[in-house]
PDB file of N, CA and C in Angstrom:
ATOM      1  N   UNK A   1       0.905  -1.083   0.136  1.00  0.00           N
ATOM      2  CA  UNK A   1       0.099  -0.089  -0.203  1.00  0.00           C
ATOM      3  C   UNK A   1       0.935   1.290   0.067  1.00  0.00           C
ATOM      4  N   UNK A   2       0.516   2.053  -1.161  1.00  0.00           N
ATOM      5  CA  UNK A   2       1.447   3.310  -1.012  1.00  0.00           C
ATOM      6  C   UNK A   2       1.212   4.387  -0.124  1.00  0.00           C
ATOM      7  N   UNK A   3       1.524   5.407  -0.034  1.00  0.00           N
ATOM      8  CA  UNK A   3       1.406   6.469   1.110  1.00  0.00           C
ATOM      9  C   UNK A   3      -0.062   7.215   0.750  1.00  0.00           C
ATOM     10  N   UNK A   4      -0.083   7.605  -0.289  1.00  0.00           N
ATOM     11  CA  UNK A   4      -1.387   7.937  -0.983  1.00  0.00           C
ATOM     12  C   UNK A   4      -2.676   6.989  -0.929  1.00  0.00           C
ATOM     13  N   UNK A   5      -2.490   5.692  -0.945  1.00  0.00           N
ATOM     14  CA  UNK A   5      -3.367   5.100  -0.726  1.00  0.00           C
ATOM     15  C   UNK A   5      -3.777   4.492   0.889  1.00  0.00           C
ATOM     16  N   UNK A   6      -2.736   4.685   1.863  1.00  0.00           N
ATOM     17  CA  UNK A   6      -3.038   5.075   3.303  1.00  0.00           C
ATOM     18  C   UNK A   6      -3.373   6.332   3.531  1.00  0.00           C
ATOM     19  N   UNK A   7      -3.253   6.959   2.909  1.00  0.00           N
ATOM     20  CA  UNK A   7      -3.998   8.666   3.238  1.00  0.00           C
ATOM     21  C   UNK A   7      -5.551   8.181   2.724  1.00  0.00           C
ATOM     22  N   UNK A   8      -5.466   7.891   2.280  1.00  0.00           N
ATOM     23  CA  UNK A   8      -7.093   8.050   1.660  1.00  0.00           C
ATOM     24  C   UNK A   8      -7.726   7.032   2.348  1.00  0.00           C
ATOM     25  N   UNK A   9      -7.482   5.695   2.638  1.00  0.00           N
ATOM     26  CA  UNK A   9      -8.235   4.962   4.085  1.00  0.00           C
ATOM     27  C   UNK A   9      -8.129   5.627   5.233  1.00  0.00           C
ATOM     28  N   UNK A  10      -7.170   6.215   5.653  1.00  0.00           N
ATOM     29  CA  UNK A  10      -7.393   7.275   6.827  1.00  0.00           C
ATOM     30  C   UNK A  10      -8.740   7.889   6.793  1.00  0.00           C
ATOM     31  N   UNK A  11      -8.489   8.457   5.564  1.00  0.00           N
ATOM     32  CA  UNK A  11      -9.595   9.388   5.347  1.00  0.00           C
ATOM     33  C   UNK A  11     -11.085   9.006   5.290  1.00  0.00           C
ATOM     34  N   UNK A  12     -11.235   8.035   4.933  1.00  0.00           N
ATOM     35  CA  UNK A  12     -12.552   6.697   4.839  1.00  0.00           C
ATOM     36  C   UNK A  12     -12.791   6.285   6.443  1.00  0.00           C
ATOM     37  N   UNK A  13     -11.793   6.102   6.892  1.00  0.00           N
ATOM     38  CA  UNK A  13     -11.934   5.631   8.381  1.00  0.00           C
ATOM     39  C   UNK A  13     -12.459   7.292   9.389  1.00  0.00           C
ATOM     40  N   UNK A  14     -11.905   8.065   8.968  1.00  0.00           N
ATOM     41  CA  UNK A  14     -12.142   9.319   9.807  1.00  0.00           C
ATOM     42  C   UNK A  14     -14.150   9.657   9.210  1.00  0.00           C
ATOM     43  N   UNK A  15     -14.246   9.071   7.876  1.00  0.00           N
ATOM     44  CA  UNK A  15     -15.564   8.879   7.747  1.00  0.00           C
ATOM     45  C   UNK A  15     -16.542   8.447   8.565  1.00  0.00           C
ATOM     46  N   UNK A  16     -16.204   7.248   8.383  1.00  0.00           N
ATOM     47  CA  UNK A  16     -16.730   5.922   9.219  1.00  0.00           C
ATOM     48  C   UNK A  16     -17.050   6.400  10.872  1.00  0.00           C
ATOM     49  N   UNK A  17     -16.033   6.880  11.409  1.00  0.00           N
ATOM     50  CA  UNK A  17     -15.484   7.468  13.072  1.00  0.00           C
ATOM     51  C   UNK A  17     -16.847   8.208  12.887  1.00  0.00           C
ATOM     52  N   UNK A  18     -16.697   9.300  11.900  1.00  0.00           N
ATOM     53  CA  UNK A  18     -17.776  10.382  12.095  1.00  0.00           C
ATOM     54  C   UNK A  18     -19.267   9.609  12.056  1.00  0.00           C
ATOM     55  N   UNK A  19     -19.779   8.835  11.276  1.00  0.00           N
ATOM     56  CA  UNK A  19     -20.846   8.365  11.296  1.00  0.00           C
ATOM     57  C   UNK A  19     -21.261   7.602  12.699  1.00  0.00           C
ATOM     58  N   UNK A  20     -20.349   6.684  13.351  1.00  0.00           N
ATOM     59  CA  UNK A  20     -20.360   6.133  14.412  1.00  0.00           C
ATOM     60  C   UNK A  20     -20.815   7.487  15.725  1.00  0.00           C
ATOM     61  N   UNK A  21     -19.864   8.381  15.334  1.00  0.00           N
ATOM     62  CA  UNK A  21     -20.092   9.307  16.249  1.00  0.00           C
ATOM     63  C   UNK A  21     -21.851  10.229  16.468  1.00  0.00           C
ATOM     64  N   UNK A  22     -22.259  10.166  15.007  1.00  0.00           N
ATOM     65  CA  UNK A  22     -23.750  10.845  14.763  1.00  0.00           C
ATOM     66  C   UNK A  22     -24.798   9.404  15.473  1.00  0.00           C
ATOM     67  N   UNK A  23     -24.206   8.526  15.581  1.00  0.00           N
ATOM     68  CA  UNK A  23     -24.938   7.253  16.001  1.00  0.00           C
ATOM     69  C   UNK A  23     -25.022   7.431  17.586  1.00  0.00           C
ATOM     70  N   UNK A  24     -23.957   7.569  17.876  1.00  0.00           N
ATOM     71  CA  UNK A  24     -23.298   7.573  19.752  1.00  0.00           C
ATOM     72  C   UNK A  24     -24.390   8.986  19.946  1.00  0.00           C
ATOM     73  N   UNK A  25     -24.267  10.000  19.476  1.00  0.00           N
ATOM     74  CA  UNK A  25     -25.027  11.284  19.989  1.00  0.00           C
ATOM     75  C   UNK A  25     -26.288  11.195  19.443  1.00  0.00           C
ATOM     76  N   UNK A  26     -27.311  10.270  18.808  1.00  0.00           N
ATOM     77  CA  UNK A  26     -28.662   9.928  18.999  1.00  0.00           C
ATOM     78  C   UNK A  26     -28.970   8.980  20.159  1.00  0.00           C
ATOM     79  N   UNK A  27     -28.098   8.087  20.247  1.00  0.00           N
ATOM     80  CA  UNK A  27     -28.288   7.194  21.448  1.00  0.00           C
ATOM     81  C   UNK A  27     -28.278   8.194  22.940  1.00  0.00           C
ATOM     82  N   UNK A  28     -26.779   8.870  22.683  1.00  0.00           N
ATOM     83  CA  UNK A  28     -26.862   9.731  24.252  1.00  0.00           C
ATOM     84  C   UNK A  28     -28.340  10.565  24.251  1.00  0.00           C
ATOM     85  N   UNK A  29     -28.807  10.877  23.438  1.00  0.00           N
ATOM     86  CA  UNK A  29     -30.113  11.890  23.481  1.00  0.00           C
ATOM     87  C   UNK A  29     -31.293  11.277  23.514  1.00  0.00           C
ATOM     88  N   UNK A  30     -31.064   9.740  24.195  1.00  0.00           N
ATOM     89  CA  UNK A  30     -31.877   9.117  25.075  1.00  0.00           C
ATOM     90  C   UNK A  30     -32.529   9.945  26.308  1.00  0.00           C
ATOM     91  N   UNK A  31     -31.047  10.631  26.958  1.00  0.00           N
ATOM     92  CA  UNK A  31     -31.446  11.412  28.340  1.00  0.00           C
ATOM     93  C   UNK A  31     -30.629  12.503  27.853  1.00  0.00           C
ATOM     94  N   UNK A  32     -31.262  13.869  28.183  1.00  0.00           N
ATOM     95  CA  UNK A  32     -30.680  14.998  28.226  1.00  0.00           C
ATOM     96  C   UNK A  32     -29.704  15.774  28.550  1.00  0.00           C
ATOM     97  N   UNK A  33     -29.530  15.083  30.127  1.00  0.00           N
ATOM     98  CA  UNK A  33     -28.198  15.269  30.685  1.00  0.00           C
ATOM     99  C   UNK A  33     -27.171  14.670  30.071  1.00  0.00           C
ATOM    100  N   UNK A  34     -27.525  12.880  29.639  1.00  0.00           N
ATOM    101  CA  UNK A  34     -26.441  12.398  28.968  1.00  0.00           C
ATOM    102  C   UNK A  34     -25.708  12.955  27.906  1.00  0.00           C
ATOM    103  N   UNK A  35     -26.665  13.597  27.189  1.00  0.00           N
ATOM    104  CA  UNK A  35     -26.566  14.312  25.756  1.00  0.00           C
ATOM    105  C   UNK A  35     -26.012  15.724  25.929  1.00  0.00           C
ATOM    106  N   UNK A  36     -26.374  16.197  26.852  1.00  0.00           N
ATOM    107  CA  UNK A  36     -25.453  17.758  26.959  1.00  0.00           C
ATOM    108  C   UNK A  36     -23.849  17.397  27.560  1.00  0.00           C
ATOM    109  N   UNK A  37     -23.936  16.400  28.316  1.00  0.00           N
ATOM    110  CA  UNK A  37     -22.285  15.973  28.936  1.00  0.00           C
ATOM    111  C   UNK A  37     -21.589  15.564  27.985  1.00  0.00           C
ATOM    112  N   UNK A  38     -22.225  15.190  26.910  1.00  0.00           N
ATOM    113  CA  UNK A  38     -21.299  14.309  25.446  1.00  0.00           C
ATOM    114  C   UNK A  38     -21.001  15.726  24.907  1.00  0.00           C
ATOM    115  N   UNK A  39     -22.385  16.140  24.551  1.00  0.00           N
ATOM    116  CA  UNK A  39     -21.803  17.225  24.021  1.00  0.00           C
ATOM    117  C   UNK A  39     -20.727  18.119  24.145  1.00  0.00           C
ATOM    118  N   UNK A  40     -20.645  18.405  25.542  1.00  0.00           N
ATOM    119  CA  UNK A  40     -19.564  19.175  26.091  1.00  0.00           C
ATOM    120  C   UNK A  40     -18.318  18.917  26.216  1.00  0.00           C
ATOM    121  N   UNK A  41     -18.454  17.440  26.008  1.00  0.00           N
ATOM    122  CA  UNK A  41     -17.016  16.635  26.732  1.00  0.00           C
ATOM    123  C   UNK A  41     -16.641  15.943  25.630  1.00  0.00           C
ATOM    124  N   UNK A  42     -17.088  14.518  25.386  1.00  0.00           N
ATOM    125  CA  UNK A  42     -16.105  13.738  24.429  1.00  0.00           C
ATOM    126  C   UNK A  42     -16.482  13.818  23.073  1.00  0.00           C
ATOM    127  N   UNK A  43     -17.871  14.394  22.762  1.00  0.00           N
ATOM    128  CA  UNK A  43     -18.142  14.908  21.320  1.00  0.00           C
ATOM    129  C   UNK A  43     -17.122  15.868  20.959  1.00  0.00           C
ATOM    130  N   UNK A  44     -16.846  16.985  20.912  1.00  0.00           N
ATOM    131  CA  UNK A  44     -15.876  18.059  20.683  1.00  0.00           C
ATOM    132  C   UNK A  44     -14.465  17.290  20.711  1.00  0.00           C
ATOM    133  N   UNK A  45     -14.128  16.864  21.151  1.00  0.00           N
ATOM    134  CA  UNK A  45     -12.858  15.778  21.735  1.00  0.00           C
ATOM    135  C   UNK A  45     -12.369  15.441  20.271  1.00  0.00           C
ATOM    136  N   UNK A  46     -13.471  14.352  20.558  1.00  0.00           N
ATOM    137  CA  UNK A  46     -13.336  12.852  18.661  1.00  0.00           C
ATOM    138  C   UNK A  46     -13.323  14.327  17.745  1.00  0.00           C
ATOM    139  N   UNK A  47     -14.363  14.526  17.451  1.00  0.00           N
ATOM    140  CA  UNK A  47     -14.634  15.506  15.952  1.00  0.00           C
ATOM    141  C   UNK A  47     -13.507  16.332  15.542  1.00  0.00           C
ATOM    142  N   UNK A  48     -13.055  17.205  16.857  1.00  0.00           N
ATOM    143  CA  UNK A  48     -11.948  17.958  16.368  1.00  0.00           C
ATOM    144  C   UNK A  48     -10.746  17.145  16.277  1.00  0.00           C
ATOM    145  N   UNK A  49     -10.687  15.739  16.334  1.00  0.00           N
ATOM    146  CA  UNK A  49      -9.775  15.368  16.366  1.00  0.00           C
ATOM    147  C   UNK A  49      -9.410  14.805  14.814  1.00  0.00           C
ATOM    148  N   UNK A  50     -10.555  14.411  14.240  1.00  0.00           N
ATOM    149  CA  UNK A  50     -10.993  13.679  12.812  1.00  0.00           C
ATOM    150  C   UNK A  50     -10.271  15.288  11.964  1.00  0.00           C
ATOM    151  N   UNK A  51     -10.630  16.417  12.192  1.00  0.00           N
ATOM    152  CA  UNK A  51     -10.084  17.480  11.026  1.00  0.00           C
ATOM    153  C   UNK A  51     -11.285  17.752  10.488  1.00  0.00           C
ATOM    154  N   UNK A  52     -10.844  18.808   9.571  1.00  0.00           N
ATOM    155  CA  UNK A  52     -11.938  19.463   8.581  1.00  0.00           C
ATOM    156  C   UNK A  52     -13.160  20.328   9.723  1.00  0.00           C
ATOM    157  N   UNK A  53     -14.277  20.496   8.724  1.00  0.00           N
ATOM    158  CA  UNK A  53     -15.080  21.926   9.481  1.00  0.00           C
ATOM    159  C   UNK A  53     -15.782  20.893  10.335  1.00  0.00           C
ATOM    160  N   UNK A  54     -15.681  21.691  11.823  1.00  0.00           N
ATOM    161  CA  UNK A  54     -16.705  20.922  12.598  1.00  0.00           C
ATOM    162  C   UNK A  54     -17.217  21.844  13.678  1.00  0.00           C
ATOM    163  N   UNK A  55     -16.961  23.331  13.590  1.00  0.00           N
ATOM    164  CA  UNK A  55     -18.011  24.234  13.774  1.00  0.00           C
ATOM    165  C   UNK A  55     -17.501  24.610  15.512  1.00  0.00           C
ATOM    166  N   UNK A  56     -16.496  24.271  15.791  1.00  0.00           N
ATOM    167  CA  UNK A  56     -15.613  24.650  17.285  1.00  0.00           C
ATOM    168  C   UNK A  56     -14.510  25.152  17.173  1.00  0.00           C
ATOM    169  N   UNK A  57     -14.349  26.223  18.049  1.00  0.00           N
ATOM    170  CA  UNK A  57     -13.210  26.916  18.204  1.00  0.00           C
ATOM    171  C   UNK A  57     -12.156  26.368  18.545  1.00  0.00           C
ATOM    172  N   UNK A  58     -10.970  26.463  17.840  1.00  0.00           N
ATOM    173  CA  UNK A  58      -9.750  25.611  18.183  1.00  0.00           C
ATOM    174  C   UNK A  58      -9.891  24.266  17.384  1.00  0.00           C
ATOM    175  N   UNK A  59      -8.961  23.419  17.559  1.00  0.00           N
ATOM    176  CA  UNK A  59      -9.070  21.828  17.029  1.00  0.00           C
ATOM    177  C   UNK A  59      -7.782  21.314  17.882  1.00  0.00           C
ATOM    178  N   UNK A  60      -7.500  20.280  17.061  1.00  0.00           N
ATOM    179  CA  UNK A  60      -6.698  19.179  17.388  1.00  0.00           C
ATOM    180  C   UNK A  60      -5.014  19.679  16.314  1.00  0.00           C
ATOM    181  N   UNK A  61      -4.106  19.462  17.647  1.00  0.00           N
ATOM    182  CA  UNK A  61      -2.415  19.798  17.296  1.00  0.00           C
ATOM    183  C   UNK A  61      -2.624  18.914  16.156  1.00  0.00           C
ATOM    184  N   UNK A  62      -2.923  17.475  15.749  1.00  0.00           N
ATOM    185  CA  UNK A  62      -2.749  16.633  14.732  1.00  0.00           C
ATOM    186  C   UNK A  62      -3.671  15.684  14.757  1.00  0.00           C
ATOM    187  N   UNK A  63      -4.864  16.494  13.675  1.00  0.00           N
ATOM    188  CA  UNK A  63      -5.789  15.395  13.514  1.00  0.00           C
ATOM    189  C   UNK A  63      -5.811  14.411  12.546  1.00  0.00           C
ATOM    190  N   UNK A  64      -6.609  13.340  12.423  1.00  0.00           N
ATOM    191  CA  UNK A  64      -6.733  12.241  11.140  1.00  0.00           C
ATOM    192  C   UNK A  64      -6.518  13.083   9.657  1.00  0.00           C
ATOM    193  N   UNK A  65      -6.962  13.926   9.657  1.00  0.00           N
ATOM    194  CA  UNK A  65      -7.093  14.989   8.424  1.00  0.00           C
ATOM    195  C   UNK A  65      -5.550  15.385   7.967  1.00  0.00           C
ATOM    196  N   UNK A  66      -4.932  15.778   9.331  1.00  0.00           N
ATOM    197  CA  UNK A  66      -3.524  16.338   9.308  1.00  0.00           C
ATOM    198  C   UNK A  66      -2.563  15.028   8.360  1.00  0.00           C
ATOM    199  N   UNK A  67      -3.016  14.085   9.099  1.00  0.00           N
ATOM    200  CA  UNK A  67      -1.633  12.845   9.473  1.00  0.00           C
ATOM    201  C   UNK A  67      -1.730  11.957   8.001  1.00  0.00           C
ATOM    202  N   UNK A  68      -3.395  12.270   7.107  1.00  0.00           N
ATOM    203  CA  UNK A  68      -3.415  11.826   5.853  1.00  0.00           C
ATOM    204  C   UNK A  68      -2.702  12.846   4.640  1.00  0.00           C
ATOM    205  N   UNK A  69      -2.989  14.215   5.189  1.00  0.00           N
ATOM    206  CA  UNK A  69      -2.209  14.936   4.541  1.00  0.00           C
ATOM    207  C   UNK A  69      -0.853  14.920   4.241  1.00  0.00           C
ATOM    208  N   UNK A  70      -0.048  14.918   5.331  1.00  0.00           N
ATOM    209  CA  UNK A  70       1.137  14.324   5.463  1.00  0.00           C
ATOM    210  C   UNK A  70       1.563  13.535   4.563  1.00  0.00           C
ATOM    211  N   UNK A  71       0.890  12.300   4.601  1.00  0.00           N
ATOM    212  CA  UNK A  71       1.291  10.951   4.070  1.00  0.00           C
ATOM    213  C   UNK A  71       1.458  11.544   2.559  1.00  0.00           C
ATOM    214  N   UNK A  72      -0.373  11.952   2.060  1.00  0.00           N
ATOM    215  CA  UNK A  72       0.421  12.343   0.813  1.00  0.00           C
ATOM    216  C   UNK A  72       1.244  12.810   0.105  1.00  0.00           C
ATOM    217  N   UNK A  73       1.553  14.022   1.162  1.00  0.00           N
ATOM    218  CA  UNK A  73       2.720  15.359   0.840  1.00  0.00           C
ATOM    219  C   UNK A  73       4.260  13.879   0.640  1.00  0.00           C
ATOM    220  N   UNK A  74       4.361  13.226   1.503  1.00  0.00           N
ATOM    221  CA  UNK A  74       5.512  12.799   1.442  1.00  0.00           C
ATOM    222  C   UNK A  74       5.584  11.494   0.403  1.00  0.00           C
ATOM    223  N   UNK A  75       4.719  11.484   0.188  1.00  0.00           N
ATOM    224  CA  UNK A  75       4.569  10.021  -1.027  1.00  0.00           C
ATOM    225  C   UNK A  75       4.956  10.964  -2.413  1.00  0.00           C
ATOM    226  N   UNK A  76       4.529  12.347  -2.772  1.00  0.00           N
ATOM    227  CA  UNK A  76       5.102  12.692  -3.699  1.00  0.00           C
ATOM    228  C   UNK A  76       6.307  13.622  -3.687  1.00  0.00           C
ATOM    229  N   UNK A  77       6.896  13.846  -2.328  1.00  0.00           N
ATOM    230  CA  UNK A  77       8.528  14.009  -2.459  1.00  0.00           C
ATOM    231  C   UNK A  77       9.022  12.808  -2.243  1.00  0.00           C
ATOM    232  N   UNK A  78       9.137  11.760  -1.805  1.00  0.00           N
ATOM    233  CA  UNK A  78       9.607  10.830  -1.711  1.00  0.00           C
ATOM    234  C   UNK A  78       9.951   9.410  -2.846  1.00  0.00           C
ATOM    235  N   UNK A  79      11.174   9.869  -3.473  1.00  0.00           N
ATOM    236  CA  UNK A  79      11.500   8.818  -4.148  1.00  0.00           C
ATOM    237  C   UNK A  79      13.052   8.428  -3.642  1.00  0.00           C
ATOM    238  N   UNK A  80      12.877   6.502  -3.582  1.00  0.00           N
ATOM    239  CA  UNK A  80      13.821   6.441  -3.304  1.00  0.00           C
ATOM    240  C   UNK A  80      15.362   6.629  -4.561  1.00  0.00           C
ATOM    241  N   UNK A  81      16.771   6.280  -4.139  1.00  0.00           N
ATOM    242  CA  UNK A  81      17.471   7.060  -4.741  1.00  0.00           C
ATOM    243  C   UNK A  81      18.611   5.762  -4.419  1.00  0.00           C
ATOM    244  N   UNK A  82      18.231   4.520  -4.088  1.00  0.00           N
ATOM    245  CA  UNK A  82      18.889   3.448  -3.995  1.00  0.00           C
ATOM    246  C   UNK A  82      19.580   2.709  -5.350  1.00  0.00           C
ATOM    247  N   UNK A  83      20.555   2.839  -5.275  1.00  0.00           N
ATOM    248  CA  UNK A  83      21.819   1.912  -6.126  1.00  0.00           C
ATOM    249  C   UNK A  83      20.884   0.687  -7.139  1.00  0.00           C
ATOM    250  N   UNK A  84      19.897   0.084  -6.256  1.00  0.00           N
ATOM    251  CA  UNK A  84      19.648  -0.997  -6.517  1.00  0.00           C
ATOM    252  C   UNK A  84      18.485  -0.776  -7.718  1.00  0.00           C
ATOM    253  N   UNK A  85      17.670   0.325  -7.720  1.00  0.00           N
ATOM    254  CA  UNK A  85      16.925   0.994  -8.777  1.00  0.00           C
ATOM    255  C   UNK A  85      17.592   1.250 -10.365  1.00  0.00           C
ATOM    256  N   UNK A  86      18.915   1.412 -10.177  1.00  0.00           N
ATOM    257  CA  UNK A  86      19.884   1.849 -11.329  1.00  0.00           C
ATOM    258  C   UNK A  86      20.542   0.200 -11.763  1.00  0.00           C
ATOM    259  N   UNK A  87      20.572  -0.402 -10.923  1.00  0.00           N
ATOM    260  CA  UNK A  87      21.318  -1.684 -11.159  1.00  0.00           C
ATOM    261  C   UNK A  87      20.207  -2.812 -11.883  1.00  0.00           C
ATOM    262  N   UNK A  88      19.174  -2.599 -10.940  1.00  0.00           N
ATOM    263  CA  UNK A  88      18.390  -4.024 -10.954  1.00  0.00           C
ATOM    264  C   UNK A  88      18.163  -5.040 -10.142  1.00  0.00           C
ATOM    265  N   UNK A  89      19.308  -5.303  -9.365  1.00  0.00           N
ATOM    266  CA  UNK A  89      19.792  -6.474  -8.837  1.00  0.00           C
ATOM    267  C   UNK A  89      19.168  -6.820  -7.591  1.00  0.00           C
ATOM    268  N   UNK A  90      18.415  -7.766  -7.182  1.00  0.00           N
ATOM    269  CA  UNK A  90      17.409  -8.613  -6.141  1.00  0.00           C
ATOM    270  C   UNK A  90      16.338  -8.132  -6.852  1.00  0.00           C
ATOM    271  N   UNK A  91      15.627  -8.968  -5.594  1.00  0.00           N
ATOM    272  CA  UNK A  91      13.814  -9.011  -5.849  1.00  0.00           C
ATOM    273  C   UNK A  91      13.510  -7.665  -5.757  1.00  0.00           C
ATOM    274  N   UNK A  92      14.112  -6.824  -4.482  1.00  0.00           N
ATOM    275  CA  UNK A  92      13.330  -6.156  -3.751  1.00  0.00           C
ATOM    276  C   UNK A  92      14.620  -5.153  -3.651  1.00  0.00           C
ATOM    277  N   UNK A  93      14.086  -3.662  -3.601  1.00  0.00           N
ATOM    278  CA  UNK A  93      15.250  -2.527  -2.995  1.00  0.00           C
ATOM    279  C   UNK A  93      15.249  -3.088  -1.729  1.00  0.00           C
ATOM    280  N   UNK A  94      16.429  -2.719  -1.140  1.00  0.00           N
ATOM    281  CA  UNK A  94      16.393  -3.190   0.222  1.00  0.00           C
ATOM    282  C   UNK A  94      16.344  -2.222   1.139  1.00  0.00           C
ATOM    283  N   UNK A  95      15.829  -0.627   0.392  1.00  0.00           N
ATOM    284  CA  UNK A  95      15.715   0.511   1.196  1.00  0.00           C
ATOM    285  C   UNK A  95      14.466   0.843   1.143  1.00  0.00           C
ATOM    286  N   UNK A  96      13.733   0.698   0.031  1.00  0.00           N
ATOM    287  CA  UNK A  96      12.291   1.086  -0.123  1.00  0.00           C
ATOM    288  C   UNK A  96      11.003   0.038   0.079  1.00  0.00           C
ATOM    289  N   UNK A  97      11.866  -0.834  -0.616  1.00  0.00           N
ATOM    290  CA  UNK A  97      11.116  -2.486  -0.757  1.00  0.00           C
ATOM    291  C   UNK A  97      10.371  -2.798  -2.058  1.00  0.00           C
ATOM    292  N   UNK A  98      10.437  -1.575  -2.816  1.00  0.00           N
ATOM    293  CA  UNK A  98      10.125  -1.590  -4.815  1.00  0.00           C
ATOM    294  C   UNK A  98      10.505  -3.072  -5.320  1.00  0.00           C
ATOM    295  N   UNK A  99       9.976  -3.484  -5.889  1.00  0.00           N
ATOM    296  CA  UNK A  99      10.126  -4.640  -6.865  1.00  0.00           C
ATOM    297  C   UNK A  99      10.364  -4.051  -8.073  1.00  0.00           C
ATOM    298  N   UNK A 100      10.224  -2.922  -8.641  1.00  0.00           N
ATOM    299  CA  UNK A 100      10.821  -2.455  -9.608  1.00  0.00           C
ATOM    300  C   UNK A 100       9.655  -2.004 -10.655  1.00  0.00           C
ATOM    301  N   UNK A 101       8.495  -3.021 -10.409  1.00  0.00           N
ATOM    302  CA  UNK A 101       7.338  -2.906 -11.368  1.00  0.00           C
ATOM    303  C   UNK A 101       6.451  -1.954 -11.199  1.00  0.00           C
ATOM    304  N   UNK A 102       5.680  -1.244 -11.883  1.00  0.00           N
ATOM    305  CA  UNK A 102       4.772  -0.240 -11.906  1.00  0.00           C
ATOM    306  C   UNK A 102       3.185  -1.353 -11.661  1.00  0.00           C
ATOM    307  N   UNK A 103       2.261  -0.913 -11.172  1.00  0.00           N
ATOM    308  CA  UNK A 103       1.287  -1.129 -10.757  1.00  0.00           C
ATOM    309  C   UNK A 103       0.572  -1.910 -12.174  1.00  0.00           C
ATOM    310  N   UNK A 104       0.825  -1.267 -13.233  1.00  0.00           N
ATOM    311  CA  UNK A 104       0.275  -2.093 -14.403  1.00  0.00           C
ATOM    312  C   UNK A 104       0.674  -3.088 -15.360  1.00  0.00           C
ATOM    313  N   UNK A 105       1.938  -3.247 -14.611  1.00  0.00           N
ATOM    314  CA  UNK A 105       2.771  -4.035 -15.277  1.00  0.00           C
ATOM    315  C   UNK A 105       2.483  -5.633 -13.926  1.00  0.00           C
ATOM    316  N   UNK A 106       2.027  -5.625 -13.116  1.00  0.00           N
ATOM    317  CA  UNK A 106       1.777  -6.869 -12.100  1.00  0.00           C
ATOM    318  C   UNK A 106       1.067  -7.606 -12.664  1.00  0.00           C
ATOM    319  N   UNK A 107      -0.056  -7.453 -13.770  1.00  0.00           N
ATOM    320  CA  UNK A 107      -1.069  -8.263 -13.863  1.00  0.00           C
ATOM    321  C   UNK A 107      -1.245  -9.116 -15.149  1.00  0.00           C
TER     322      UNK A 107
END
């Protein structure tokens, strides 16, 4: 899995968590005091940790969205310069683990 694919999966997971969070708040809504306490404490903590638009002042020092963005950016910037790529020796590059094949060449 590439870093870009990992970033995409992290964003999918964040969306799944948002859906579960909405469900949890609906369940907490069965009791007004429980709902208000959840809305005042754990709900914003989780929501701001996911990143994106959340309507709360402030945010997380490092949200899931931030992590996904970092992975995408580092995948774009990173190219292995190990001599294996030039020499074509062995099954896999000892540094990056690449087998030298493009995805379209695998099938």
